[in-house]
Amino acid sequence: MPKTSWMFLFLLVFSVYAEDQDLPVVASAKELKGVKAKKIVWETDGAKMVHIPANPSDTRKREPVYDEFGDLVKPAKIIGAADAFFMDAHEVNVGQFKKFLKSSGYKPDEAINWNQVDKYSPTDKHPISRVTWHDATAYAKWAGKRLPTEKEWEFAARGGLIGKEYSWGDDVNLARDYANYTGIDGSDKWKYTAPVGSFKPNGYGLHGMAGNVFEWCQNRYNSDQDRRVLRGGSWYNDTHYLRLANRYNYDPAGGNYAYGFRCVLGSD
């Protein structure tokens, strides 16, 4: 590579590093209310988080309020669009999850199989996998965050695009630039999971919203089943599972080598 190319690469890497170093570090929801930046670092787990704007199509309803005698105090009312929120820029990684276990005292109902985690996510920079919905929820609570709702996850994954099939648009031929999924080709050189942040971000600056690991959401899959929603597809799946409309579900007490998560901050 020519000397000028090396210099350009160095300056690019340095500028990205410097940008991350200058991000405000936020320690509480109270502090967050005064933050104007579009990117932050959440102090508890060190996660870089990005601002997701309000979703104008997701209006919220205030339920009616009654007093002790059954008289209506406040009627039901549509109170506007869902608020903006912050979301982890990438999946929770192995290093962050280890920090959670060491500092929280949390004990999973079923011990995590670290031999399997190491096989599919061999470094602290790879996404944590084989965690249950309960494990993910406990991590989020420890960090002072929560799992995203399914609506929040899909809105964020679209990155500002409207009516597109994938988080980068409609062209499936671009999938290798944005997602780690079945097989190895192009930018995807990993047999299993890839280190978080290895692929291009979507329009909101979120990495890995397609592929790498499925991500747990708050929601139940439907009213008849005690199963929780997973979104996004994984390293194991083909492009069908990377579609924004794809929904998957699993027992919240079960883990899998292709299941992980990320967290959000904002209104509940």
C-alpha atoms as a PDB file:
ATOM      1  CA  MET A   1       0.000   0.000   0.000  1.00  0.00           C
ATOM      2  CA  PRO A   2       1.408   3.465  -0.870  1.00  0.00           C
ATOM      3  CA  LYS A   3       2.635   5.630   1.981  1.00  0.00           C
ATOM      4  CA  THR A   4      -0.144   8.192   1.395  1.00  0.00           C
ATOM      5  CA  SER A   5      -2.768   5.467   1.733  1.00  0.00           C
ATOM      6  CA  TRP A   6      -1.319   4.324   5.044  1.00  0.00           C
ATOM      7  CA  MET A   7      -1.338   7.914   6.292  1.00  0.00           C
ATOM      8  CA  PHE A   8      -4.985   8.361   5.261  1.00  0.00           C
ATOM      9  CA  LEU A   9      -5.969   5.117   7.025  1.00  0.00           C
ATOM     10  CA  PHE A  10      -4.145   6.205  10.177  1.00  0.00           C
ATOM     11  CA  LEU A  11      -5.865   9.599  10.196  1.00  0.00           C
ATOM     12  CA  LEU A  12      -9.265   7.971   9.633  1.00  0.00           C
ATOM     13  CA  VAL A  13      -8.810   5.527  12.523  1.00  0.00           C
ATOM     14  CA  PHE A  14      -7.469   8.278  14.768  1.00  0.00           C
ATOM     15  CA  SER A  15     -10.394  10.582  13.975  1.00  0.00           C
ATOM     16  CA  VAL A  16     -12.935   7.843  14.791  1.00  0.00           C
ATOM     17  CA  TYR A  17     -11.089   7.068  18.043  1.00  0.00           C
ATOM     18  CA  ALA A  18     -10.923  10.755  18.961  1.00  0.00           C
ATOM     19  CA  GLU A  19     -14.646  11.136  18.274  1.00  0.00           C
ATOM     20  CA  ASP A  20     -15.459   8.264  20.654  1.00  0.00           C
ATOM     21  CA  GLN A  21     -13.121   9.720  23.284  1.00  0.00           C
ATOM     22  CA  ASP A  22     -15.014  13.025  23.187  1.00  0.00           C
ATOM     23  CA  LEU A  23     -18.457  11.492  23.726  1.00  0.00           C
ATOM     24  CA  PRO A  24     -20.231  12.595  26.929  1.00  0.00           C
ATOM     25  CA  VAL A  25     -20.282   9.931  29.640  1.00  0.00           C
ATOM     26  CA  VAL A  26     -23.741   9.679  31.205  1.00  0.00           C
ATOM     27  CA  ALA A  27     -24.362   7.978  34.542  1.00  0.00           C
ATOM     28  CA  SER A  28     -28.112   8.316  35.110  1.00  0.00           C
ATOM     29  CA  ALA A  29     -31.466   8.917  33.472  1.00  0.00           C
ATOM     30  CA  LYS A  30     -31.563  12.304  35.210  1.00  0.00           C
ATOM     31  CA  GLU A  31     -28.304  13.326  33.512  1.00  0.00           C
ATOM     32  CA  LEU A  32     -29.578  12.020  30.183  1.00  0.00           C
ATOM     33  CA  LYS A  33     -32.429  14.546  30.122  1.00  0.00           C
ATOM     34  CA  GLY A  34     -29.947  17.387  29.782  1.00  0.00           C
ATOM     35  CA  VAL A  35     -27.830  15.784  27.060  1.00  0.00           C
ATOM     36  CA  LYS A  36     -28.020  17.268  23.555  1.00  0.00           C
ATOM     37  CA  ALA A  37     -25.443  14.964  21.946  1.00  0.00           C
ATOM     38  CA  LYS A  38     -26.530  12.326  19.421  1.00  0.00           C
ATOM     39  CA  LYS A  39     -24.023   9.808  20.797  1.00  0.00           C
ATOM     40  CA  ILE A  40     -23.131   9.049  24.409  1.00  0.00           C
ATOM     41  CA  VAL A  41     -21.246   6.525  26.519  1.00  0.00           C
ATOM     42  CA  TRP A  42     -23.293   4.914  29.298  1.00  0.00           C
ATOM     43  CA  GLU A  43     -21.070   4.788  32.357  1.00  0.00           C
ATOM     44  CA  THR A  44     -22.236   1.528  33.965  1.00  0.00           C
ATOM     45  CA  ASP A  45     -21.373  -0.810  31.102  1.00  0.00           C
ATOM     46  CA  GLY A  46     -19.273   1.487  28.904  1.00  0.00           C
ATOM     47  CA  ALA A  47     -21.645   1.040  25.952  1.00  0.00           C
ATOM     48  CA  LYS A  48     -21.671   3.612  23.166  1.00  0.00           C
ATOM     49  CA  MET A  49     -25.292   4.588  22.522  1.00  0.00           C
ATOM     50  CA  VAL A  50     -26.915   6.541  19.705  1.00  0.00           C
ATOM     51  CA  HIS A  51     -29.967   8.794  19.653  1.00  0.00           C
ATOM     52  CA  ILE A  52     -33.066   7.386  17.936  1.00  0.00           C
ATOM     53  CA  PRO A  53     -35.651  10.059  17.042  1.00  0.00           C
ATOM     54  CA  ALA A  54     -39.307   9.904  18.021  1.00  0.00           C
ATOM     55  CA  ASN A  55     -41.441   7.582  15.925  1.00  0.00           C
ATOM     56  CA  PRO A  56     -44.356   9.653  14.586  1.00  0.00           C
ATOM     57  CA  SER A  57     -46.395   6.552  13.709  1.00  0.00           C
ATOM     58  CA  ASP A  58     -46.211   5.034  17.201  1.00  0.00           C
ATOM     59  CA  THR A  59     -48.766   7.075  19.115  1.00  0.00           C
ATOM     60  CA  ARG A  60     -49.390   6.367  22.786  1.00  0.00           C
ATOM     61  CA  LYS A  61     -52.705   6.226  24.636  1.00  0.00           C
ATOM     62  CA  ARG A  62     -53.202   7.396  28.200  1.00  0.00           C
ATOM     63  CA  GLU A  63     -55.556   5.029  29.978  1.00  0.00           C
ATOM     64  CA  PRO A  64     -58.557   6.540  31.809  1.00  0.00           C
ATOM     65  CA  VAL A  65     -58.022   7.296  35.499  1.00  0.00           C
ATOM     66  CA  TYR A  66     -60.773   6.655  38.090  1.00  0.00           C
ATOM     67  CA  ASP A  67     -60.975   7.615  41.748  1.00  0.00           C
ATOM     68  CA  GLU A  68     -61.809   5.174  44.555  1.00  0.00           C
ATOM     69  CA  PHE A  69     -65.528   5.635  43.955  1.00  0.00           C
ATOM     70  CA  GLY A  70     -65.327   4.772  40.267  1.00  0.00           C
ATOM     71  CA  ASP A  71     -65.768   8.325  39.030  1.00  0.00           C
ATOM     72  CA  LEU A  72     -63.741   9.282  35.982  1.00  0.00           C
ATOM     73  CA  VAL A  73     -60.933  11.702  36.893  1.00  0.00           C
ATOM     74  CA  LYS A  74     -59.008  11.750  33.615  1.00  0.00           C
ATOM     75  CA  PRO A  75     -60.448  10.368  30.364  1.00  0.00           C
ATOM     76  CA  ALA A  76     -58.459   8.262  27.933  1.00  0.00           C
ATOM     77  CA  LYS A  77     -56.393  10.403  25.613  1.00  0.00           C
ATOM     78  CA  ILE A  78     -53.911  10.038  22.763  1.00  0.00           C
ATOM     79  CA  ILE A  79     -50.826  11.732  24.162  1.00  0.00           C
ATOM     80  CA  GLY A  80     -48.628  11.905  21.073  1.00  0.00           C
ATOM     81  CA  ALA A  81     -45.869  10.000  19.392  1.00  0.00           C
ATOM     82  CA  ALA A  82     -43.485   7.699  21.192  1.00  0.00           C
ATOM     83  CA  ASP A  83     -40.554   9.597  22.671  1.00  0.00           C
ATOM     84  CA  ALA A  84     -37.056   9.559  21.300  1.00  0.00           C
ATOM     85  CA  PHE A  85     -34.627   7.180  23.014  1.00  0.00           C
ATOM     86  CA  PHE A  86     -31.019   5.997  23.018  1.00  0.00           C
ATOM     87  CA  MET A  87     -30.002   2.522  21.858  1.00  0.00           C
ATOM     88  CA  ASP A  88     -26.748   0.595  22.189  1.00  0.00           C
ATOM     89  CA  ALA A  89     -24.758   1.103  18.988  1.00  0.00           C
ATOM     90  CA  HIS A  90     -24.048  -2.621  18.909  1.00  0.00           C
ATOM     91  CA  GLU A  91     -24.917  -5.835  20.674  1.00  0.00           C
ATOM     92  CA  VAL A  92     -23.826  -6.355  24.285  1.00  0.00           C
ATOM     93  CA  ASN A  93     -20.456  -8.043  24.021  1.00  0.00           C
ATOM     94  CA  VAL A  94     -18.810 -10.792  26.059  1.00  0.00           C
ATOM     95  CA  GLY A  95     -16.640  -8.348  28.012  1.00  0.00           C
ATOM     96  CA  GLN A  96     -19.618  -6.253  29.073  1.00  0.00           C
ATOM     97  CA  PHE A  97     -21.586  -9.315  30.151  1.00  0.00           C
ATOM     98  CA  LYS A  98     -18.665 -10.617  32.208  1.00  0.00           C
ATOM     99  CA  LYS A  99     -18.461  -7.227  33.956  1.00  0.00           C
ATOM    100  CA  PHE A 100     -22.174  -7.499  34.755  1.00  0.00           C
ATOM    101  CA  LEU A 101     -21.786 -10.974  36.281  1.00  0.00           C
ATOM    102  CA  LYS A 102     -18.775  -9.938  38.374  1.00  0.00           C
ATOM    103  CA  SER A 103     -20.246  -6.697  39.717  1.00  0.00           C
ATOM    104  CA  SER A 104     -23.935  -7.551  40.110  1.00  0.00           C
ATOM    105  CA  GLY A 105     -23.888 -10.920  41.845  1.00  0.00           C
ATOM    106  CA  TYR A 106     -26.504 -12.180  39.383  1.00  0.00           C
ATOM    107  CA  LYS A 107     -26.780 -15.962  39.099  1.00  0.00           C
ATOM    108  CA  PRO A 108     -28.474 -17.339  35.966  1.00  0.00           C
ATOM    109  CA  ASP A 109     -31.110 -19.989  36.584  1.00  0.00           C
ATOM    110  CA  GLU A 110     -29.008 -22.280  34.425  1.00  0.00           C
ATOM    111  CA  ALA A 111     -25.254 -21.802  34.402  1.00  0.00           C
ATOM    112  CA  ILE A 112     -23.967 -20.291  31.154  1.00  0.00           C
ATOM    113  CA  ASN A 113     -21.993 -22.777  29.084  1.00  0.00           C
ATOM    114  CA  TRP A 114     -18.792 -20.754  28.640  1.00  0.00           C
ATOM    115  CA  ASN A 115     -17.203 -23.445  26.480  1.00  0.00           C
ATOM    116  CA  GLN A 116     -20.003 -22.875  23.976  1.00  0.00           C
ATOM    117  CA  VAL A 117     -19.814 -19.091  24.319  1.00  0.00           C
ATOM    118  CA  ASP A 118     -16.078 -19.244  23.623  1.00  0.00           C
ATOM    119  CA  LYS A 119     -16.626 -21.412  20.559  1.00  0.00           C
ATOM    120  CA  TYR A 120     -19.017 -18.973  18.904  1.00  0.00           C
ATOM    121  CA  SER A 121     -17.841 -15.687  20.491  1.00  0.00           C
ATOM    122  CA  PRO A 122     -14.137 -16.211  21.243  1.00  0.00           C
ATOM    123  CA  THR A 123     -13.153 -12.704  22.455  1.00  0.00           C
ATOM    124  CA  ASP A 124     -14.542 -10.011  24.731  1.00  0.00           C
ATOM    125  CA  LYS A 125     -15.376  -7.959  21.618  1.00  0.00           C
ATOM    126  CA  HIS A 126     -17.716 -10.612  20.211  1.00  0.00           C
ATOM    127  CA  PRO A 127     -21.442 -10.503  21.081  1.00  0.00           C
ATOM    128  CA  ILE A 128     -22.539 -12.456  24.117  1.00  0.00           C
ATOM    129  CA  SER A 129     -24.678 -15.434  23.124  1.00  0.00           C
ATOM    130  CA  ARG A 130     -26.374 -18.359  24.860  1.00  0.00           C
ATOM    131  CA  VAL A 131     -28.131 -15.929  27.212  1.00  0.00           C
ATOM    132  CA  THR A 132     -31.810 -16.256  28.061  1.00  0.00           C
ATOM    133  CA  TRP A 133     -34.393 -13.468  27.955  1.00  0.00           C
ATOM    134  CA  HIS A 134     -34.216 -13.431  31.762  1.00  0.00           C
ATOM    135  CA  ASP A 135     -30.414 -13.027  31.656  1.00  0.00           C
ATOM    136  CA  ALA A 136     -30.724 -10.172  29.162  1.00  0.00           C
ATOM    137  CA  THR A 137     -33.409  -8.468  31.267  1.00  0.00           C
ATOM    138  CA  ALA A 138     -31.254  -8.770  34.395  1.00  0.00           C
ATOM    139  CA  TYR A 139     -28.284  -7.214  32.579  1.00  0.00           C
ATOM    140  CA  ALA A 140     -30.433  -4.321  31.368  1.00  0.00           C
ATOM    141  CA  LYS A 141     -31.754  -3.682  34.893  1.00  0.00           C
ATOM    142  CA  TRP A 142     -28.214  -3.719  36.316  1.00  0.00           C
ATOM    143  CA  ALA A 143     -27.082  -1.238  33.670  1.00  0.00           C
ATOM    144  CA  GLY A 144     -30.026   1.080  34.378  1.00  0.00           C
ATOM    145  CA  LYS A 145     -31.493   0.389  30.951  1.00  0.00           C
ATOM    146  CA  ARG A 146     -34.071  -2.017  29.511  1.00  0.00           C
ATOM    147  CA  LEU A 147     -34.679  -4.244  26.509  1.00  0.00           C
ATOM    148  CA  PRO A 148     -36.288  -2.510  23.526  1.00  0.00           C
ATOM    149  CA  THR A 149     -39.905  -3.060  22.676  1.00  0.00           C
ATOM    150  CA  GLU A 150     -40.458  -4.749  19.348  1.00  0.00           C
ATOM    151  CA  LYS A 151     -41.738  -1.484  17.841  1.00  0.00           C
ATOM    152  CA  GLU A 152     -38.664   0.377  19.059  1.00  0.00           C
ATOM    153  CA  TRP A 153     -36.337  -2.295  17.730  1.00  0.00           C
ATOM    154  CA  GLU A 154     -37.851  -2.269  14.231  1.00  0.00           C
ATOM    155  CA  PHE A 155     -38.064   1.526  14.041  1.00  0.00           C
ATOM    156  CA  ALA A 156     -34.402   1.809  15.054  1.00  0.00           C
ATOM    157  CA  ALA A 157     -33.360  -0.993  12.696  1.00  0.00           C
ATOM    158  CA  ARG A 158     -34.915   0.841   9.734  1.00  0.00           C
ATOM    159  CA  GLY A 159     -32.521   3.711  10.346  1.00  0.00           C
ATOM    160  CA  GLY A 160     -34.907   6.263   8.867  1.00  0.00           C
ATOM    161  CA  LEU A 161     -35.776   4.213   5.786  1.00  0.00           C
ATOM    162  CA  ILE A 162     -39.455   3.781   4.937  1.00  0.00           C
ATOM    163  CA  GLY A 163     -40.955   0.662   3.365  1.00  0.00           C
ATOM    164  CA  LYS A 164     -37.614  -1.077   2.730  1.00  0.00           C
ATOM    165  CA  GLU A 165     -37.011  -4.795   3.067  1.00  0.00           C
ATOM    166  CA  TYR A 166     -33.670  -4.600   4.887  1.00  0.00           C
ATOM    167  CA  SER A 167     -32.034  -2.159   7.284  1.00  0.00           C
ATOM    168  CA  TRP A 168     -29.880  -0.849   4.411  1.00  0.00           C
ATOM    169  CA  GLY A 169     -32.567  -0.796   1.679  1.00  0.00           C
ATOM    170  CA  ASP A 170     -33.969  -3.310  -0.817  1.00  0.00           C
ATOM    171  CA  ASP A 171     -30.813  -4.599  -2.517  1.00  0.00           C
ATOM    172  CA  VAL A 172     -30.018  -8.041  -1.096  1.00  0.00           C
ATOM    173  CA  ASN A 173     -26.657  -7.936  -2.907  1.00  0.00           C
ATOM    174  CA  LEU A 174     -25.454  -5.403  -0.312  1.00  0.00           C
ATOM    175  CA  ALA A 175     -26.113  -7.767   2.593  1.00  0.00           C
ATOM    176  CA  ARG A 176     -22.455  -8.715   3.072  1.00  0.00           C
ATOM    177  CA  ASP A 177     -21.565  -5.070   3.714  1.00  0.00           C
ATOM    178  CA  TYR A 178     -24.032  -4.794   6.597  1.00  0.00           C
ATOM    179  CA  ALA A 179     -24.547  -8.239   8.073  1.00  0.00           C
ATOM    180  CA  ASN A 180     -22.800 -11.382   9.247  1.00  0.00           C
ATOM    181  CA  TYR A 181     -24.973 -14.258   8.073  1.00  0.00           C
ATOM    182  CA  THR A 182     -24.649 -17.820   6.808  1.00  0.00           C
ATOM    183  CA  GLY A 183     -21.471 -18.565   4.891  1.00  0.00           C
ATOM    184  CA  ILE A 184     -18.292 -16.542   4.357  1.00  0.00           C
ATOM    185  CA  ASP A 185     -17.921 -14.048   1.527  1.00  0.00           C
ATOM    186  CA  GLY A 186     -16.981 -10.421   0.930  1.00  0.00           C
ATOM    187  CA  SER A 187     -16.848  -8.392   4.153  1.00  0.00           C
ATOM    188  CA  ASP A 188     -18.112 -11.400   6.095  1.00  0.00           C
ATOM    189  CA  LYS A 189     -15.050 -13.480   6.941  1.00  0.00           C
ATOM    190  CA  TRP A 190     -16.327 -15.059  10.152  1.00  0.00           C
ATOM    191  CA  LYS A 191     -17.567 -18.628  10.461  1.00  0.00           C
ATOM    192  CA  TYR A 192     -19.612 -17.834  13.568  1.00  0.00           C
ATOM    193  CA  THR A 193     -20.198 -14.441  15.201  1.00  0.00           C
ATOM    194  CA  ALA A 194     -18.177 -11.371  14.227  1.00  0.00           C
ATOM    195  CA  PRO A 195     -16.777  -8.825  16.698  1.00  0.00           C
ATOM    196  CA  VAL A 196     -19.439  -6.181  17.342  1.00  0.00           C
ATOM    197  CA  GLY A 197     -19.255  -3.177  15.035  1.00  0.00           C
ATOM    198  CA  SER A 198     -17.555  -5.119  12.206  1.00  0.00           C
ATOM    199  CA  PHE A 199     -20.042  -4.079   9.523  1.00  0.00           C
ATOM    200  CA  LYS A 200     -21.455  -0.827   8.177  1.00  0.00           C
ATOM    201  CA  PRO A 201     -24.003   0.941  10.401  1.00  0.00           C
ATOM    202  CA  ASN A 202     -27.538   1.766   9.350  1.00  0.00           C
ATOM    203  CA  GLY A 203     -28.866   5.300   8.962  1.00  0.00           C
ATOM    204  CA  TYR A 204     -29.031   5.874  12.723  1.00  0.00           C
ATOM    205  CA  GLY A 205     -25.492   4.622  13.356  1.00  0.00           C
ATOM    206  CA  LEU A 206     -26.493   1.191  14.676  1.00  0.00           C
ATOM    207  CA  HIS A 207     -24.280  -1.793  13.839  1.00  0.00           C
ATOM    208  CA  GLY A 208     -25.432  -5.396  13.511  1.00  0.00           C
ATOM    209  CA  MET A 209     -29.190  -4.836  13.390  1.00  0.00           C
ATOM    210  CA  ALA A 210     -29.165  -7.585  10.770  1.00  0.00           C
ATOM    211  CA  GLY A 211     -27.274 -10.823  11.338  1.00  0.00           C
ATOM    212  CA  ASN A 212     -24.593 -11.759  13.886  1.00  0.00           C
ATOM    213  CA  VAL A 213     -27.011 -12.629  16.738  1.00  0.00           C
ATOM    214  CA  PHE A 214     -30.786 -12.510  17.066  1.00  0.00           C
ATOM    215  CA  GLU A 215     -31.757  -9.871  19.651  1.00  0.00           C
ATOM    216  CA  TRP A 216     -34.215 -10.315  22.498  1.00  0.00           C
ATOM    217  CA  CYS A 217     -37.065  -7.774  22.775  1.00  0.00           C
ATOM    218  CA  GLN A 218     -39.391  -7.081  25.705  1.00  0.00           C
ATOM    219  CA  ASN A 219     -42.525  -8.383  24.034  1.00  0.00           C
ATOM    220  CA  ARG A 220     -44.326 -11.688  24.184  1.00  0.00           C
ATOM    221  CA  TYR A 221     -44.672 -13.249  20.738  1.00  0.00           C
ATOM    222  CA  ASN A 222     -48.461 -13.350  20.943  1.00  0.00           C
ATOM    223  CA  SER A 223     -51.217 -13.440  23.520  1.00  0.00           C
ATOM    224  CA  ASP A 224     -51.463 -17.228  23.532  1.00  0.00           C
ATOM    225  CA  GLN A 225     -47.842 -18.134  24.169  1.00  0.00           C
ATOM    226  CA  ASP A 226     -45.388 -17.408  26.930  1.00  0.00           C
ATOM    227  CA  ARG A 227     -42.600 -16.920  24.400  1.00  0.00           C
ATOM    228  CA  ARG A 228     -40.548 -13.786  23.786  1.00  0.00           C
ATOM    229  CA  VAL A 229     -39.716 -12.020  20.546  1.00  0.00           C
ATOM    230  CA  LEU A 230     -36.326 -12.101  18.833  1.00  0.00           C
ATOM    231  CA  ARG A 231     -35.453  -9.892  15.856  1.00  0.00           C
ATOM    232  CA  GLY A 232     -32.702  -9.396  13.309  1.00  0.00           C
ATOM    233  CA  GLY A 233     -31.472 -12.833  12.217  1.00  0.00           C
ATOM    234  CA  SER A 234     -28.048 -14.267  13.013  1.00  0.00           C
ATOM    235  CA  TRP A 235     -24.760 -15.601  11.646  1.00  0.00           C
ATOM    236  CA  TYR A 236     -26.473 -18.968  11.212  1.00  0.00           C
ATOM    237  CA  ASN A 237     -29.352 -17.755   8.992  1.00  0.00           C
ATOM    238  CA  ASP A 238     -29.793 -16.814   5.347  1.00  0.00           C
ATOM    239  CA  THR A 239     -31.031 -13.425   4.110  1.00  0.00           C
ATOM    240  CA  HIS A 240     -34.700 -14.356   4.629  1.00  0.00           C
ATOM    241  CA  TYR A 241     -34.155 -13.882   8.369  1.00  0.00           C
ATOM    242  CA  LEU A 242     -32.434 -10.510   7.884  1.00  0.00           C
ATOM    243  CA  ARG A 243     -35.645  -8.906   6.613  1.00  0.00           C
ATOM    244  CA  LEU A 244     -37.039  -6.157   8.813  1.00  0.00           C
ATOM    245  CA  ALA A 245     -40.462  -7.815   8.831  1.00  0.00           C
ATOM    246  CA  ASN A 246     -39.145 -11.130  10.121  1.00  0.00           C
ATOM    247  CA  ARG A 247     -40.205 -12.107  13.644  1.00  0.00           C
ATOM    248  CA  TYR A 248     -38.911 -15.038  15.652  1.00  0.00           C
ATOM    249  CA  ASN A 249     -39.705 -16.394  19.106  1.00  0.00           C
ATOM    250  CA  TYR A 250     -38.237 -18.607  21.789  1.00  0.00           C
ATOM    251  CA  ASP A 251     -38.754 -19.764  25.363  1.00  0.00           C
ATOM    252  CA  PRO A 252     -37.534 -16.887  27.602  1.00  0.00           C
ATOM    253  CA  ALA A 253     -35.813 -19.432  29.859  1.00  0.00           C
ATOM    254  CA  GLY A 254     -33.794 -20.849  26.948  1.00  0.00           C
ATOM    255  CA  GLY A 255     -30.491 -19.710  25.455  1.00  0.00           C
ATOM    256  CA  ASN A 256     -28.963 -20.370  22.067  1.00  0.00           C
ATOM    257  CA  TYR A 257     -25.620 -19.909  20.281  1.00  0.00           C
ATOM    258  CA  ALA A 258     -27.294 -17.377  17.959  1.00  0.00           C
ATOM    259  CA  TYR A 259     -29.230 -15.295  20.556  1.00  0.00           C
ATOM    260  CA  GLY A 260     -27.969 -12.057  22.106  1.00  0.00           C
ATOM    261  CA  PHE A 261     -29.334  -8.581  22.846  1.00  0.00           C
ATOM    262  CA  ARG A 262     -28.798  -4.836  23.116  1.00  0.00           C
ATOM    263  CA  CYS A 263     -30.379  -2.251  25.427  1.00  0.00           C
ATOM    264  CA  VAL A 264     -32.171   1.088  25.249  1.00  0.00           C
ATOM    265  CA  LEU A 265     -32.575   4.175  27.426  1.00  0.00           C
ATOM    266  CA  GLY A 266     -35.628   6.372  27.371  1.00  0.00           C
ATOM    267  CA  SER A 267     -39.274   6.595  28.355  1.00  0.00           C
ATOM    268  CA  ASP A 268     -40.877   3.362  29.537  1.00  0.00           C
END
